[in-house]
């Protein structure tokens, strides 16, 4: 079930109709910030757990 060019164009047009051209950059900016915070939190969790496992001598 792959998405072809006509399906992608239809989805983009529907998004433009729902949100308008001015709201889309704001939505993408918020989405980008959310993904970045998620990755930072995930990396921070991995770093803190790895430092706890290794005892410092």
C-alpha atoms as a PDB file:
ATOM      1  CA  UNK A   1       0.000   0.000   0.000  1.00  0.00           C
ATOM      2  CA  UNK A   2       2.211   2.792  -1.243  1.00  0.00           C
ATOM      3  CA  UNK A   3       1.287   6.413  -1.583  1.00  0.00           C
ATOM      4  CA  UNK A   4       1.617   7.762  -5.073  1.00  0.00           C
ATOM      5  CA  UNK A   5       1.860  11.339  -6.264  1.00  0.00           C
ATOM      6  CA  UNK A   6      -1.931  11.825  -6.663  1.00  0.00           C
ATOM      7  CA  UNK A   7      -2.592  10.688  -3.092  1.00  0.00           C
ATOM      8  CA  UNK A   8       0.094  12.953  -1.653  1.00  0.00           C
ATOM      9  CA  UNK A   9      -1.220  15.939  -3.628  1.00  0.00           C
ATOM     10  CA  UNK A  10      -4.749  15.224  -2.361  1.00  0.00           C
ATOM     11  CA  UNK A  11      -3.538  15.064   1.250  1.00  0.00           C
ATOM     12  CA  UNK A  12      -1.621  18.344   0.891  1.00  0.00           C
ATOM     13  CA  UNK A  13      -4.651  20.062  -0.624  1.00  0.00           C
ATOM     14  CA  UNK A  14      -6.879  18.816   2.201  1.00  0.00           C
ATOM     15  CA  UNK A  15      -4.415  20.137   4.804  1.00  0.00           C
ATOM     16  CA  UNK A  16      -4.299  23.509   3.074  1.00  0.00           C
ATOM     17  CA  UNK A  17      -8.087  23.702   3.043  1.00  0.00           C
ATOM     18  CA  UNK A  18      -8.386  22.733   6.707  1.00  0.00           C
ATOM     19  CA  UNK A  19      -5.683  24.929   8.200  1.00  0.00           C
ATOM     20  CA  UNK A  20      -4.972  27.624   5.637  1.00  0.00           C
ATOM     21  CA  UNK A  21      -1.621  28.782   4.370  1.00  0.00           C
ATOM     22  CA  UNK A  22      -0.756  30.949   7.372  1.00  0.00           C
ATOM     23  CA  UNK A  23      -1.202  28.239  10.021  1.00  0.00           C
ATOM     24  CA  UNK A  24       0.899  25.514   8.372  1.00  0.00           C
ATOM     25  CA  UNK A  25       4.340  27.037   9.182  1.00  0.00           C
ATOM     26  CA  UNK A  26       3.268  27.441  12.813  1.00  0.00           C
ATOM     27  CA  UNK A  27       2.108  23.815  12.947  1.00  0.00           C
ATOM     28  CA  UNK A  28       5.347  22.534  11.421  1.00  0.00           C
ATOM     29  CA  UNK A  29       7.418  24.660  13.801  1.00  0.00           C
ATOM     30  CA  UNK A  30       5.547  23.231  16.781  1.00  0.00           C
ATOM     31  CA  UNK A  31       5.916  19.708  15.434  1.00  0.00           C
ATOM     32  CA  UNK A  32       9.655  20.219  14.969  1.00  0.00           C
ATOM     33  CA  UNK A  33      10.063  21.512  18.516  1.00  0.00           C
ATOM     34  CA  UNK A  34       8.149  18.539  19.870  1.00  0.00           C
ATOM     35  CA  UNK A  35      10.302  16.038  17.987  1.00  0.00           C
ATOM     36  CA  UNK A  36      13.482  17.817  19.119  1.00  0.00           C
ATOM     37  CA  UNK A  37      12.381  17.792  22.765  1.00  0.00           C
ATOM     38  CA  UNK A  38      11.496  14.107  22.493  1.00  0.00           C
ATOM     39  CA  UNK A  39      14.926  13.254  21.061  1.00  0.00           C
ATOM     40  CA  UNK A  40      16.691  15.371  23.699  1.00  0.00           C
ATOM     41  CA  UNK A  41      14.757  13.683  26.485  1.00  0.00           C
ATOM     42  CA  UNK A  42      15.492  10.260  25.037  1.00  0.00           C
ATOM     43  CA  UNK A  43      19.215  11.038  24.741  1.00  0.00           C
ATOM     44  CA  UNK A  44      19.298  12.516  28.241  1.00  0.00           C
ATOM     45  CA  UNK A  45      17.689   9.391  29.661  1.00  0.00           C
ATOM     46  CA  UNK A  46      20.224   7.175  27.881  1.00  0.00           C
ATOM     47  CA  UNK A  47      23.157   9.283  29.070  1.00  0.00           C
ATOM     48  CA  UNK A  48      22.046   9.354  32.702  1.00  0.00           C
ATOM     49  CA  UNK A  49      21.405   5.608  32.833  1.00  0.00           C
ATOM     50  CA  UNK A  50      24.794   4.807  31.258  1.00  0.00           C
ATOM     51  CA  UNK A  51      26.629   7.015  33.766  1.00  0.00           C
ATOM     52  CA  UNK A  52      24.833   5.313  36.674  1.00  0.00           C
ATOM     53  CA  UNK A  53      25.799   1.836  35.493  1.00  0.00           C
ATOM     54  CA  UNK A  54      29.537   2.554  35.355  1.00  0.00           C
ATOM     55  CA  UNK A  55      31.059   3.218  38.776  1.00  0.00           C
ATOM     56  CA  UNK A  56      33.631   5.995  38.828  1.00  0.00           C
ATOM     57  CA  UNK A  57      36.990   5.008  40.250  1.00  0.00           C
END
